[in-house]
Protein backbone atom coordinates (compact mmCIF):
# COMPACT_ATOMS: atom_id res chain seq x y z
CA MET A 1 0.00 0.00 0.00
CA LYS A 2 1.18 3.48 -0.71
CA LYS A 3 0.78 4.47 2.92
CA SER A 4 3.94 2.52 3.71
CA LYS A 5 5.93 5.24 1.96
CA LEU A 6 5.03 7.71 4.70
CA SER A 7 8.31 8.52 6.46
CA PHE A 8 8.91 7.19 9.95
CA GLY A 9 9.70 10.78 10.90
CA LEU A 10 6.29 12.09 9.88
CA ALA A 11 4.38 9.22 11.46
CA PHE A 12 6.55 9.45 14.55
CA THR A 13 5.90 13.18 14.87
CA LEU A 14 2.18 13.30 14.27
CA LEU A 15 1.38 10.79 17.02
CA PRO A 16 2.21 12.87 20.10
CA LEU A 17 1.32 16.26 18.67
CA VAL A 18 -2.12 15.16 17.55
CA ALA A 19 -2.88 13.04 20.61
CA VAL A 20 -1.84 15.53 23.28
CA SER A 21 -4.05 18.57 23.76
CA ALA A 22 -3.71 21.56 26.06
CA CYS A 23 -5.83 19.91 28.73
CA SER A 24 -4.11 16.54 28.63
CA PRO A 25 -2.66 15.40 31.96
CA ALA A 26 1.08 14.91 32.26
CA VAL A 27 2.25 11.40 31.49
CA THR A 28 4.67 9.67 33.83
CA PRO A 29 7.73 8.22 32.08
CA ASN A 30 8.26 4.51 32.42
CA ASP A 31 10.28 1.72 30.90
CA GLU A 32 7.68 1.33 28.16
CA ASN A 33 8.53 4.73 26.66
CA ILE A 34 11.43 5.29 24.27
CA VAL A 35 11.42 9.13 24.38
CA SER A 36 9.91 11.83 26.56
CA PHE A 37 9.84 15.60 26.12
CA THR A 38 8.05 18.69 27.42
CA ASP A 39 5.30 20.25 25.32
CA PRO A 40 4.57 24.02 25.16
CA ASN A 41 2.11 23.69 28.08
CA GLY A 42 4.71 22.18 30.35
CA ASN A 43 3.34 18.68 30.06
CA THR A 44 5.62 15.67 29.75
CA VAL A 45 4.84 13.76 26.60
CA ASN A 46 5.93 10.14 26.23
CA ILE A 47 6.35 8.21 23.01
CA PRO A 48 5.89 4.50 23.70
CA THR A 49 8.19 1.77 22.58
CA ASP A 50 6.72 -0.58 20.01
CA GLU A 51 7.89 -2.79 17.22
CA ILE A 52 8.34 0.05 14.69
CA TYR A 53 10.45 2.25 16.96
CA ALA A 54 12.51 -0.66 18.26
CA ASN A 55 13.59 -1.28 14.68
CA TYR A 56 15.43 2.01 14.71
CA LYS A 57 18.18 0.27 16.67
CA VAL A 58 18.67 -2.62 14.28
CA GLU A 59 17.62 -1.57 10.79
CA LYS A 60 20.12 -0.09 8.37
CA ASN A 61 20.04 3.70 8.64
CA GLY A 62 17.67 3.31 11.56
CA VAL A 63 19.58 5.57 13.94
CA GLU A 64 19.71 8.33 11.33
CA ARG A 65 15.98 8.02 10.70
CA PHE A 66 15.25 8.08 14.41
CA TYR A 67 17.36 11.21 14.86
CA ASN A 68 15.62 12.97 11.95
CA ALA A 69 12.25 11.97 13.39
CA LEU A 70 13.26 13.34 16.77
CA VAL A 71 14.30 16.60 15.15
CA GLU A 72 10.88 16.86 13.55
CA VAL A 73 9.24 16.31 16.93
CA VAL A 74 11.12 19.18 18.57
CA VAL A 75 10.69 21.55 15.62
CA ARG A 76 6.92 21.05 15.54
CA ASN A 77 6.76 21.16 19.32
CA GLU A 78 8.66 24.47 19.32
CA MET A 79 6.31 25.94 16.76
CA ASN A 80 3.33 25.05 18.93
CA LYS A 81 4.44 27.69 21.42
CA GLU A 82 2.18 30.72 21.61
CA GLU A 83 5.06 33.05 20.79
CA TYR A 84 5.38 31.38 17.38
CA ALA A 85 1.69 31.57 16.50
CA ASP A 86 2.18 34.24 13.83
CA THR A 87 5.32 32.55 12.47
CA LYS A 88 3.54 29.21 12.24
CA ALA A 89 0.59 30.81 10.44
CA HIS A 90 3.02 32.42 7.99
CA CYS A 91 4.74 29.07 7.41
CA GLU A 92 1.38 27.43 6.72
CA SER A 93 0.57 30.19 4.25
CA LEU A 94 3.88 29.66 2.46
CA ALA A 95 3.29 25.91 2.45
CA ARG A 96 -0.18 26.34 0.95
CA ASN A 97 1.32 28.50 -1.80
CA ARG A 98 3.92 25.81 -2.47
CA VAL A 99 1.17 23.20 -2.75
CA GLU A 100 -0.61 25.39 -5.28
CA GLY A 101 2.67 25.78 -7.11
CA SER A 102 3.07 22.01 -7.21
CA LYS A 103 -0.40 21.71 -8.68
CA GLU A 104 0.43 24.26 -11.36
CA GLN A 105 3.65 22.37 -12.08
CA ALA A 106 1.68 19.15 -12.45
CA GLN A 107 -0.67 20.79 -14.92
CA SER A 108 2.24 22.24 -16.88
CA ASN A 109 4.00 18.86 -16.94
CA ALA A 110 0.83 17.14 -18.12
CA GLU A 111 0.52 19.52 -21.05
CA ALA A 112 4.20 19.18 -21.92
CA ASN A 113 4.34 15.38 -21.57
CA GLY A 114 0.95 14.49 -22.99
CA THR A 115 -0.10 12.92 -19.69
CA SER A 116 -2.86 13.65 -17.21
CA TYR A 117 -2.80 16.08 -14.31
CA ASP A 118 -3.48 13.24 -11.85
CA GLU A 119 -0.46 11.29 -13.12
CA GLU A 120 1.86 14.26 -12.83
CA PHE A 121 0.61 15.30 -9.37
CA GLU A 122 0.97 11.70 -8.23
CA SER A 123 4.58 11.84 -9.42
CA ILE A 124 5.18 14.97 -7.32
CA LEU A 125 3.66 13.25 -4.30
CA ASP A 126 5.86 10.22 -4.87
CA SER A 127 9.00 12.33 -5.12
CA ASN A 128 8.16 13.85 -1.73
CA ASN A 129 7.18 10.50 -0.20
CA CYS A 130 3.64 11.76 0.47
CA GLU A 131 0.28 10.01 0.27
CA ASP A 132 -1.94 12.94 -0.64
CA GLU A 133 -2.19 16.70 -0.85
CA GLU A 134 -2.62 17.14 2.89
CA GLU A 135 0.59 15.26 3.60
CA LEU A 136 2.38 17.40 1.03
CA PHE A 137 1.06 20.51 2.76
CA ASP A 138 2.21 19.12 6.10
CA LEU A 139 5.69 18.40 4.70
CA TYR A 140 6.02 21.87 3.20
CA THR A 141 4.83 23.40 6.47
CA TYR A 142 7.50 21.50 8.39
CA GLN A 143 10.18 22.64 5.95
CA GLU A 144 9.09 26.27 6.28
CA MET A 145 9.00 26.02 10.07
CA THR A 146 12.52 24.59 10.11
CA SER A 147 13.72 27.41 7.89
CA ALA A 148 12.06 30.01 10.12
CA LEU A 149 13.71 28.60 13.23
CA GLU A 150 17.09 28.56 11.50
CA ASP A 151 16.70 32.19 10.46
CA GLU A 152 16.01 33.12 14.05
CA TRP A 153 18.64 30.94 15.69
CA PHE A 154 21.46 31.76 13.28
CA SER A 155 21.36 35.48 14.03
CA THR A 156 24.04 37.95 13.00
CA GLU A 157 25.64 37.50 16.42
CA LYS A 158 25.55 33.70 16.20
CA LEU A 159 27.02 33.69 12.70
CA SER A 160 29.76 36.05 13.84
CA GLU A 161 30.61 33.59 16.62
CA LEU A 162 30.76 30.74 14.12
CA LEU A 163 33.36 32.62 12.09
CA VAL A 164 35.98 32.43 14.83
CA ALA A 165 34.86 29.34 16.75
CA GLU A 166 37.23 26.41 17.06
CA ASP A 167 36.77 24.40 13.88
CA GLY A 168 34.52 27.26 12.75
CA TYR A 169 34.25 28.91 9.36
CA PHE A 170 37.67 30.57 9.29
CA ASP A 171 39.51 27.46 10.51
CA THR A 172 37.66 25.21 8.09
CA GLU A 173 37.38 27.26 4.89
CA VAL A 174 40.33 29.73 4.98
CA PRO A 175 38.36 32.35 3.02
CA TYR A 176 39.77 34.89 0.57
CA HIS A 177 37.74 37.65 -1.09
CA ILE A 178 38.72 37.57 -4.77
CA ARG A 179 38.29 39.75 -7.86
CA HIS A 180 39.28 38.80 -11.38
CA ILE A 181 39.19 39.62 -15.06
CA LEU A 182 38.73 36.74 -17.47
CA VAL A 183 39.91 36.89 -21.07
CA ASN A 184 38.58 33.94 -23.01
CA VAL A 185 40.89 32.40 -25.59
CA THR A 186 40.16 29.82 -28.26
CA ALA A 187 43.31 27.87 -27.43
CA SER A 188 42.77 25.50 -30.35
CA ILE A 189 45.20 22.71 -31.15
CA PRO A 190 46.50 22.65 -34.73
CA GLU A 191 45.49 19.64 -36.77
CA GLY A 192 47.97 16.80 -36.60
CA LEU A 193 49.48 17.75 -33.25
CA SER A 194 49.17 15.68 -30.09
CA ILE A 195 46.17 16.55 -27.98
CA SER A 196 47.95 15.30 -24.86
CA THR A 197 51.08 17.48 -25.16
CA SER A 198 50.00 20.47 -27.26
CA PRO A 199 47.83 22.21 -24.61
CA PHE A 200 51.02 23.25 -22.82
CA THR A 201 53.11 24.35 -25.78
CA SER A 202 51.24 24.61 -29.06
CA GLN A 203 47.87 26.31 -28.83
CA GLU A 204 46.50 28.97 -31.12
CA ILE A 205 44.50 32.10 -30.38
CA THR A 206 42.74 34.56 -32.65
CA SER A 207 44.04 38.01 -33.51
CA SER A 208 41.20 39.62 -31.51
CA GLU A 209 42.04 37.49 -28.46
CA ALA A 210 45.69 38.48 -28.69
CA ALA A 211 44.74 42.13 -28.94
CA LYS A 212 42.38 41.84 -25.98
CA LEU A 213 45.00 40.22 -23.76
CA SER A 214 47.38 43.06 -24.57
CA ASN A 215 44.71 45.74 -24.15
CA VAL A 216 43.56 44.45 -20.75
CA VAL A 217 47.07 44.42 -19.29
CA SER A 218 47.89 47.79 -20.88
CA ALA A 219 44.78 49.27 -19.29
CA LEU A 220 45.73 47.82 -15.91
CA ALA A 221 49.26 49.20 -16.22
CA SER A 222 48.23 52.67 -17.40
CA GLY A 223 46.63 53.60 -14.08
CA ASN A 224 43.84 55.51 -15.79
CA GLU A 225 41.07 53.20 -14.57
CA SER A 226 40.37 51.00 -11.57
CA PHE A 227 40.60 47.21 -11.70
CA GLY A 228 36.81 47.05 -11.33
CA THR A 229 36.17 49.43 -14.22
CA ILE A 230 38.49 47.46 -16.49
CA ALA A 231 36.78 44.23 -15.43
CA TYR A 232 33.39 45.73 -16.27
CA ARG A 233 34.67 46.85 -19.66
CA TYR A 234 36.65 43.77 -20.68
CA SER A 235 35.97 40.63 -18.64
CA ASP A 236 34.46 37.66 -20.43
CA ASP A 237 32.95 36.34 -17.20
CA SER A 238 29.71 38.01 -18.15
CA SER A 239 26.86 35.50 -18.00
CA GLY A 240 23.92 36.87 -16.01
CA ASP A 241 23.34 39.88 -13.78
CA THR A 242 25.40 38.34 -10.97
CA SER A 243 28.47 37.66 -13.14
CA SER A 244 31.79 38.98 -11.93
CA ARG A 245 31.90 41.38 -14.88
CA ASN A 246 28.67 43.03 -13.83
CA ASN A 247 30.01 43.16 -10.27
CA TYR A 248 33.18 44.94 -11.41
CA GLY A 249 35.31 41.83 -11.27
CA ASP A 250 34.07 40.67 -7.88
CA VAL A 251 34.13 36.87 -7.71
CA GLY A 252 33.09 36.64 -4.07
CA ILE A 253 34.42 34.45 -1.31
CA MET A 254 36.84 31.64 -2.17
CA GLY A 255 37.56 28.90 0.34
CA ARG A 256 38.95 25.38 0.54
CA SER A 257 35.71 23.86 -0.72
CA THR A 258 34.93 26.46 -3.39
CA SER A 259 34.67 24.74 -6.76
CA PHE A 260 37.07 27.00 -8.65
CA VAL A 261 39.52 25.39 -11.05
CA ASN A 262 42.77 24.36 -9.37
CA GLU A 263 44.94 26.85 -11.24
CA PHE A 264 42.78 29.67 -9.90
CA LYS A 265 42.17 28.60 -6.30
CA LEU A 266 45.35 26.69 -5.58
CA GLY A 267 47.36 29.21 -7.55
CA ILE A 268 46.25 31.94 -5.15
CA TYR A 269 47.00 29.78 -2.13
CA THR A 270 50.38 28.87 -3.64
CA TYR A 271 51.27 32.55 -4.00
CA ASP A 272 50.93 32.98 -0.22
CA LEU A 273 52.43 29.59 0.61
CA LEU A 274 55.57 29.60 -1.51
CA TYR A 275 56.37 32.90 -3.12
CA GLN A 276 56.25 35.53 -0.40
CA ASN A 277 59.22 35.99 1.90
CA ASP A 278 57.25 35.71 5.13
CA ALA A 279 57.77 32.29 6.69
CA THR A 280 55.32 32.99 9.50
CA ARG A 281 52.45 33.78 7.13
CA SER A 282 53.32 30.79 4.96
CA GLN A 283 53.33 28.46 7.97
CA THR A 284 50.05 29.93 9.24
CA LEU A 285 48.38 29.29 5.90
CA GLU A 286 49.89 25.82 5.55
CA THR A 287 48.51 24.86 8.95
CA ALA A 288 45.12 26.45 8.27
CA LEU A 289 44.77 24.55 4.99
CA GLY A 290 45.86 21.32 6.67
CA LEU A 291 48.71 20.92 4.21
CA ASP A 292 51.25 20.32 6.96
CA GLU A 293 49.39 17.10 7.80
CA MET A 294 48.60 16.13 4.21
CA TYR A 295 52.15 16.74 3.00
CA PRO A 296 54.58 16.50 5.93
CA ASN A 297 58.20 17.61 5.73
CA ASP A 298 57.32 20.48 3.40
CA GLU A 299 56.64 18.12 0.51
CA ILE A 300 54.72 20.69 -1.54
CA ALA A 301 57.60 23.17 -1.45
CA THR A 302 59.96 20.35 -2.43
CA GLU A 303 57.74 19.40 -5.36
CA PHE A 304 57.72 22.98 -6.67
CA THR A 305 61.47 23.28 -6.22
CA ASP A 306 62.05 20.03 -8.11
CA MET A 307 59.92 21.34 -10.94
CA GLY A 308 61.84 24.61 -11.05
CA LEU A 309 58.75 26.49 -9.91
CA ASN A 310 60.15 27.61 -6.58
CA ASN A 311 60.13 31.21 -7.87
CA ILE A 312 56.98 33.03 -8.89
CA GLY A 313 56.30 32.91 -12.64
CA THR A 314 56.71 36.14 -14.57
CA ILE A 315 55.14 37.67 -17.67
CA PRO A 316 57.22 40.60 -19.00
CA TYR A 317 55.09 43.65 -19.77
CA GLY A 318 57.16 44.45 -22.85
CA GLU A 319 56.14 41.10 -24.34
CA ILE A 320 52.48 41.85 -23.63
CA LEU A 321 52.79 45.09 -25.58
CA LYS A 322 54.51 43.16 -28.35
CA LEU A 323 51.60 40.69 -28.41
CA GLY A 324 49.27 43.54 -29.22
CA GLN A 325 51.57 44.82 -31.94
CA VAL A 326 51.74 41.46 -33.74
CA ALA A 327 48.15 40.34 -33.10
CA ASN A 328 47.27 40.56 -36.82
CA VAL A 329 50.63 39.50 -38.28
CA GLU A 330 50.23 36.40 -40.45
CA THR A 331 52.78 37.06 -43.19
CA SER A 332 56.32 38.45 -43.38
CA ASN A 333 56.96 42.17 -43.83
CA SER A 334 57.18 41.50 -47.57
CA GLY A 335 53.81 39.78 -47.57
CA ALA A 336 55.19 36.27 -48.02
CA PRO A 337 53.79 33.32 -46.04
CA VAL A 338 56.32 31.79 -43.66
CA ASN A 339 56.66 28.04 -43.12
CA ASN A 340 53.99 27.61 -45.78
CA GLY A 341 51.60 29.68 -43.69
CA VAL A 342 51.56 27.31 -40.69
CA SER A 343 49.50 29.34 -38.21
CA LEU A 344 51.25 27.95 -35.13
CA TYR A 345 54.22 30.11 -36.16
CA TYR A 346 52.21 33.33 -36.23
CA PRO A 347 53.94 35.65 -33.75
CA ARG A 348 50.82 35.96 -31.57
CA ASN A 349 50.72 32.20 -31.03
CA ILE A 350 54.42 31.99 -30.26
CA LEU A 351 54.12 34.77 -27.66
CA PHE A 352 50.91 33.36 -26.18
CA ASN A 353 52.42 29.91 -25.69
CA LYS A 354 55.65 31.26 -24.25
CA TYR A 355 54.23 33.73 -21.74
CA PHE A 356 50.53 33.06 -21.15
CA ASN A 357 50.02 29.34 -21.74
CA LYS A 358 51.21 28.44 -18.24
CA HIS A 359 49.14 26.84 -15.47
CA ASN A 360 51.33 28.08 -12.64
CA VAL A 361 50.46 31.46 -11.19
CA SER A 362 52.54 34.43 -12.40
CA ILE A 363 53.03 38.14 -11.83
CA ILE A 364 53.42 40.76 -14.54
CA THR A 365 56.81 42.47 -14.42
CA PRO A 366 57.99 45.75 -16.03
CA ASN A 367 60.55 43.86 -18.09
CA ASP A 368 61.62 43.57 -21.72
CA VAL A 369 63.02 40.41 -23.28
CA SER A 370 65.96 40.38 -25.65
CA VAL A 371 65.46 37.76 -28.33
CA PRO A 372 68.57 35.73 -29.28
CA ASP A 373 69.72 35.67 -32.88
CA VAL A 374 70.50 32.51 -34.82
CA ASP A 375 73.86 31.25 -36.05
CA ALA A 376 74.67 30.06 -39.56
CA SER A 377 73.14 26.66 -38.82
CA GLY A 378 69.85 28.23 -37.78
CA ARG A 379 70.28 27.42 -34.09
CA LEU A 380 70.01 29.94 -31.28
CA ALA A 381 73.21 31.93 -30.80
CA SER A 382 72.48 32.36 -27.08
CA ARG A 383 70.10 31.00 -24.47
CA GLU A 384 66.38 31.64 -24.74
CA ASP A 385 65.28 34.33 -22.28
CA PHE A 386 61.95 34.03 -20.48
CA THR A 387 62.39 36.65 -17.75
CA GLY A 388 63.82 39.77 -19.37
CA THR A 389 65.37 42.85 -17.80
CA LEU A 390 63.81 45.72 -15.90
CA ASN A 391 62.61 48.71 -17.95
CA MET A 392 62.20 51.66 -15.58
CA ASN A 393 60.18 53.55 -18.20
CA TYR A 394 57.26 51.27 -17.38
CA VAL A 395 57.73 51.90 -13.67
CA ASN A 396 58.13 55.69 -13.87
CA ASN A 397 54.76 56.33 -15.50
CA SER A 398 53.15 58.87 -13.15
CA LYS A 399 49.97 56.81 -12.99
CA GLY A 400 51.68 53.49 -13.47
CA ARG A 401 50.77 50.52 -11.36
CA PHE A 402 54.11 48.71 -11.19
CA GLN A 403 55.20 48.66 -7.57
CA GLN A 404 57.99 47.10 -5.59
CA VAL A 405 56.46 44.34 -3.49
CA ALA A 406 58.27 43.80 -0.21
CA ALA A 407 56.86 40.30 0.16
CA LEU A 408 58.41 39.40 -3.22
CA ASP A 409 61.89 40.54 -2.21
CA ASN A 410 61.09 44.02 -3.56
CA GLN A 411 60.51 42.65 -7.04
CA TYR A 412 58.41 44.93 -9.24
CA ALA A 413 54.93 43.62 -10.05
CA LEU A 414 51.77 45.00 -11.60
CA CYS A 415 49.25 45.93 -8.88
CA ASP A 416 45.74 47.31 -8.77
CA GLU A 417 44.90 50.81 -7.53
CA GLN A 418 44.90 49.56 -3.92
CA GLY A 419 48.35 47.99 -4.17
CA ASN A 420 47.10 44.39 -4.45
CA VAL A 421 49.36 42.27 -6.65
CA ILE A 422 47.67 41.14 -9.87
CA LEU A 423 48.19 37.43 -10.43
CA ALA A 424 47.83 35.82 -13.85
CA VAL A 425 47.12 32.20 -14.68
CA ARG A 426 45.99 30.13 -17.63
CA ALA A 427 43.04 27.92 -16.73
CA GLY A 428 40.05 26.25 -18.26
CA SER A 429 37.27 23.80 -17.46
CA GLY A 430 34.55 23.86 -20.03
CA TYR A 431 36.07 27.12 -21.24
CA GLU A 432 39.57 28.36 -21.95
CA GLY A 433 40.95 31.60 -20.63
CA VAL A 434 43.53 33.71 -18.85
CA HIS A 435 42.59 35.02 -15.41
CA PHE A 436 43.94 38.22 -13.88
CA MET A 437 43.23 37.94 -10.15
CA VAL A 438 43.60 40.07 -7.04
CA VAL A 439 43.02 39.15 -3.41
CA GLN A 440 40.81 41.86 -1.98
CA ARG A 441 40.88 40.49 1.56
CA ASN A 442 43.29 37.84 2.72
CA TYR A 443 42.56 35.32 5.46
CA LEU A 444 46.07 35.96 6.78
CA ASP A 445 45.38 39.65 7.46
CA GLU A 446 43.58 39.81 10.81
CA VAL A 447 43.16 43.60 10.69
CA VAL A 448 43.20 45.86 7.62
CA ASN A 449 42.38 49.57 7.90
CA ASP A 450 40.96 48.98 11.37
CA VAL A 451 38.57 46.28 10.07
CA THR A 452 39.00 42.85 11.62
CA LEU A 453 38.46 39.71 9.60
CA GLN A 454 35.41 38.93 11.74
CA GLU A 455 33.97 42.38 11.01
CA TYR A 456 34.78 42.09 7.31
CA TYR A 457 32.52 39.04 6.98
CA THR A 458 29.58 40.49 8.88
CA THR A 459 26.08 39.40 7.86
CA ALA A 460 24.55 42.70 8.98
CA ILE A 461 23.95 45.53 6.50
CA PRO A 462 24.73 49.23 6.87
CA GLY A 463 22.19 50.89 9.11
CA GLU A 464 21.64 47.84 11.29
CA GLU A 465 22.85 47.95 14.88
CA ALA A 466 25.12 44.93 14.38
CA TYR A 467 26.94 46.46 11.39
CA PRO A 468 30.55 47.41 12.31
CA THR A 469 31.25 51.13 12.53
CA THR A 470 34.19 53.37 13.38
CA ALA A 471 34.52 55.31 16.62
CA ASP A 472 32.80 58.29 15.00
CA GLY A 473 29.94 56.16 13.69
CA GLN A 474 31.02 55.69 10.07
CA ASP A 475 30.33 52.39 8.33
CA LYS A 476 33.40 50.22 8.05
CA ALA A 477 34.48 48.74 4.71
CA THR A 478 33.29 45.12 4.63
CA TYR A 479 32.44 42.45 2.13
CA VAL A 480 28.81 43.56 2.36
CA ASN A 481 29.39 47.15 1.20
CA PHE A 482 32.42 46.44 -1.00
CA ILE A 483 30.16 47.09 -3.98
CA ARG A 484 28.30 50.29 -3.24
CA GLY A 485 24.58 50.11 -3.72
CA ASN A 486 21.25 50.09 -1.94
CA ASN A 487 19.89 47.77 0.72
CA THR A 488 18.99 45.20 -1.92
CA THR A 489 22.65 44.96 -2.94
CA TYR A 490 23.79 44.83 0.68
CA ASN A 491 21.24 42.18 1.61
CA THR A 492 22.35 40.06 -1.35
CA ARG A 493 25.98 40.22 -0.27
CA ALA A 494 25.13 39.65 3.39
CA THR A 495 23.22 36.56 2.28
CA GLN A 496 26.30 35.38 0.38
CA VAL A 497 28.31 35.53 3.60
CA ARG A 498 25.54 33.81 5.55
CA ASP A 499 25.27 31.04 2.97
CA ALA A 500 29.04 30.54 3.01
CA ILE A 501 29.06 30.20 6.81
CA MET A 502 26.06 27.86 6.79
CA ALA A 503 27.60 25.72 4.05
CA TYR A 504 31.03 25.09 5.56
CA ASN A 505 29.55 22.41 7.82
CA PRO A 506 26.55 20.51 6.40
CA TYR A 507 25.58 19.54 9.95
CA ILE A 508 25.72 23.03 11.41
CA THR A 509 22.01 22.91 12.27
CA ASP A 510 22.69 20.11 14.77
CA ASP A 511 23.68 22.78 17.28
CA MET A 512 20.25 24.34 16.96
CA TYR A 513 18.48 21.02 17.32
CA TRP A 514 20.45 20.09 20.42
CA SER A 515 19.54 23.41 21.99
CA LEU A 516 15.89 22.56 21.35
CA PHE A 517 16.39 19.10 22.85
CA GLU A 518 17.72 20.71 26.01
CA GLU A 519 14.97 23.33 26.21
CA GLN A 520 12.29 20.69 25.75
CA ASN A 521 13.88 18.24 28.18
CA VAL A 522 14.12 15.53 25.55
CA VAL A 523 15.16 12.26 27.11
CA ILE A 524 15.90 9.07 25.18
CA HIS A 525 15.21 6.33 27.71
CA ASP A 526 16.89 3.61 25.71
CA GLU A 527 20.57 4.02 26.60
CA THR A 528 21.73 1.93 23.66
CA LEU A 529 19.82 4.09 21.21
CA ALA A 530 20.99 7.30 22.90
CA THR A 531 24.60 6.15 22.63
CA LYS A 532 24.16 5.21 18.99
CA ILE A 533 22.76 8.64 18.19
CA ASP A 534 25.81 10.26 19.80
CA GLU A 535 28.07 7.94 17.79
CA TYR A 536 26.13 8.62 14.61
CA LEU A 537 26.49 12.41 14.95
CA GLU A 538 30.18 12.19 15.84
CA THR A 539 30.90 9.75 13.03
CA ARG A 540 29.28 11.82 10.32
CA LYS A 541 31.25 14.88 11.46
CA LEU A 542 34.46 12.89 11.26
CA ASP A 543 33.46 11.49 7.88
CA GLU A 544 32.72 14.98 6.59
CA THR A 545 36.11 16.23 7.76
CA PHE A 546 37.88 13.26 6.22
CA ASN A 547 36.06 13.60 2.90
CA ARG A 548 36.68 17.34 2.78
CA ASN A 549 40.38 16.87 3.44
CA GLU A 550 40.63 14.02 0.95
CA THR A 551 38.98 16.13 -1.75
CA PHE A 552 41.33 19.01 -1.04
CA GLU A 553 44.36 16.71 -1.11
CA ASP A 554 43.19 15.20 -4.39
CA SER A 555 43.00 18.71 -5.83
CA TRP A 556 46.57 19.45 -4.80
CA ASP A 557 47.78 16.14 -6.23
CA ALA A 558 46.04 16.86 -9.54
CA TYR A 559 47.41 20.40 -9.60
CA ILE A 560 50.99 19.27 -9.00
CA ASP A 561 50.66 16.47 -11.58
CA LEU A 562 49.43 19.03 -14.13
CA LEU A 563 52.39 21.30 -13.42
CA LYS A 564 54.83 18.40 -13.68
CA ILE A 565 53.61 17.57 -17.16
CA GLN A 566 53.75 21.24 -18.09
CA GLN A 567 57.33 21.65 -16.92
CA GLN A 568 58.48 18.52 -18.75
CA LEU A 569 57.03 19.81 -22.00
CA ARG A 570 58.04 23.44 -21.60
CA GLY A 571 61.67 22.79 -20.64
CA VAL A 572 64.80 23.79 -22.51
CA ASN A 573 67.76 21.67 -23.59
CA ASP A 574 71.37 22.15 -22.54
CA ASP A 575 71.78 24.91 -25.15
CA GLY A 576 68.82 26.83 -23.72
CA GLU A 577 66.60 25.98 -26.67
CA PRO A 578 62.95 25.16 -25.92
CA VAL A 579 62.22 21.47 -26.26
CA ARG A 580 58.68 21.83 -27.60
CA LEU A 581 57.91 25.53 -27.36
CA ILE A 582 58.59 27.53 -30.49
CA SER A 583 61.34 30.02 -29.75
CA GLU A 584 60.40 33.69 -29.65
CA THR A 585 63.20 34.23 -32.14
CA CYS A 586 60.91 32.62 -34.70
CA ALA A 587 58.32 35.34 -34.10
CA VAL A 588 60.88 37.99 -34.98
CA LYS A 589 62.30 36.10 -37.97
CA PHE A 590 58.76 35.39 -39.16
CA GLN A 591 58.35 39.06 -39.97
CA GLU A 592 61.89 40.20 -40.70
CA ASP A 593 63.55 37.37 -42.57
CA PRO A 594 61.48 34.41 -43.75
CA ASN A 595 64.60 33.12 -45.54
CA SER A 596 66.62 32.99 -42.32
CA PRO A 597 68.58 29.79 -41.65
CA ALA A 598 66.24 29.43 -38.67
CA PHE A 599 63.56 28.20 -41.08
CA ALA A 600 65.85 25.88 -43.02
CA GLU A 601 66.00 22.20 -42.23
CA GLY A 602 67.75 21.73 -38.91
CA GLY A 603 67.01 25.33 -37.89
CA ILE A 604 65.25 26.30 -34.68
CA CYS A 605 62.11 27.33 -36.60
CA TYR A 606 62.05 24.55 -39.19
CA TYR A 607 58.64 22.99 -39.78
CA ALA A 608 58.58 19.65 -41.58
CA GLN A 609 55.57 19.35 -43.88
């Protein structure tokens, strides 16, 4: 019979709440009762032991089902209090609207699928494990009541406590507030080349993509516009009103469990872990991320050193300007095709592969690269240069954004208008692109401009009493008001913080339920069952921690494996010649001298047809 699909939780809950009225006498607990609790009128309510409830101890998933049923008891019991009368009525109204919405959905599905309304509504009931419309209403009401209690219990103050609690949000997620600009690139692989090796050395972009890469970095370096304005004007992360482009490059909060591609997320973490000359900050972050336990004896640093990635990657600004200059070049200066017009040798593709097609995070330096000439045999006359030399003309621009970064041993790097280093990385998952990223607020910075990390991630909005203010009553700069707007904007961003805090631990609501258990004097008289519930809750927390750490470790392993392959393919031989990369010398000779020995058989630019 269909009735058997009614959840134990619902059946378990309805029994006491329907049977006990305001005038019912208190019931004395005895060995026959599995659970007792106090109702809103101060009466002790007992739920008797019988064959169904005894099965909770022995059936698979029984303890979990019993716990969920118990939660439903206390939630409904709480909502029966007089003080929640209006809230309960509102929840019932919302539930009734949801039922009507389900009916409309059933009608719509029937028309779309050529079925009947009854069949489609029955399917909705089945999916919710309900017998009829009234049970569906009851389920929706319970869900709305749970949500209402959560909204009340997880107040701004409570959420603020969860940020800094032991094993709380900060300890678990290690959040960074990130902005970025995305420039999509085609990154196609020429026909006939290996799909497995070419992504690291031999991809092609369009002339417009090359020009855009150059234009974006030139705009960032000019100092005429803010990072956010440039993101709004150029970024290809533009799908929907909430895209980072429409939010002036704002990506939001990134943490350990955020599903960003590894090059983006782990690249940012790597910048703080390996490339800044502050051992204390690096160790703090390593411990916070749990990497010291996952990779003891500084294994990650050793891996990067072995790969030759122990220094931050660099992209010389002079080469970015050059990329823009050659974006449309597809023939020599005399108009002749070079290497029979093989597009991989177009200067834009050579420069893209050399400087941008890298999956390790890089900074942009005010450097120029000198390209080696070729000898009579067509080989490089000197070693290939990837780093270049400092050009102070780029630095001395009155509005320029190249700054000496103390944490990078005073190396010059392109920064945004606030002095945040701009990181660049090639990444793609379902898309291909180059990201230019800045960390707006770092987990490692406890206080910035008199704003603590806890204040920065407030869930209050300006104007509310809980919103952080200065001594003279001015609103502090937080994640919530980072993008200036109205209360709708602020509420949206406050909700983003709230959702992030609520999501870091999928069992965070257990704290609320246990507080209700205590308030309602819930007693589980079966000691074996009570112990198993404690074990169940502890075990799932441990499982969640283990799974979260394992997922994070897998991401690091995959990231390092990717970089290992990259470094093997992008290396140079003993003469400093790229093993698979096309030398930048070929980009110069492509235009200047298509008859150079470099293009003859055996030369550095020779392409065998």
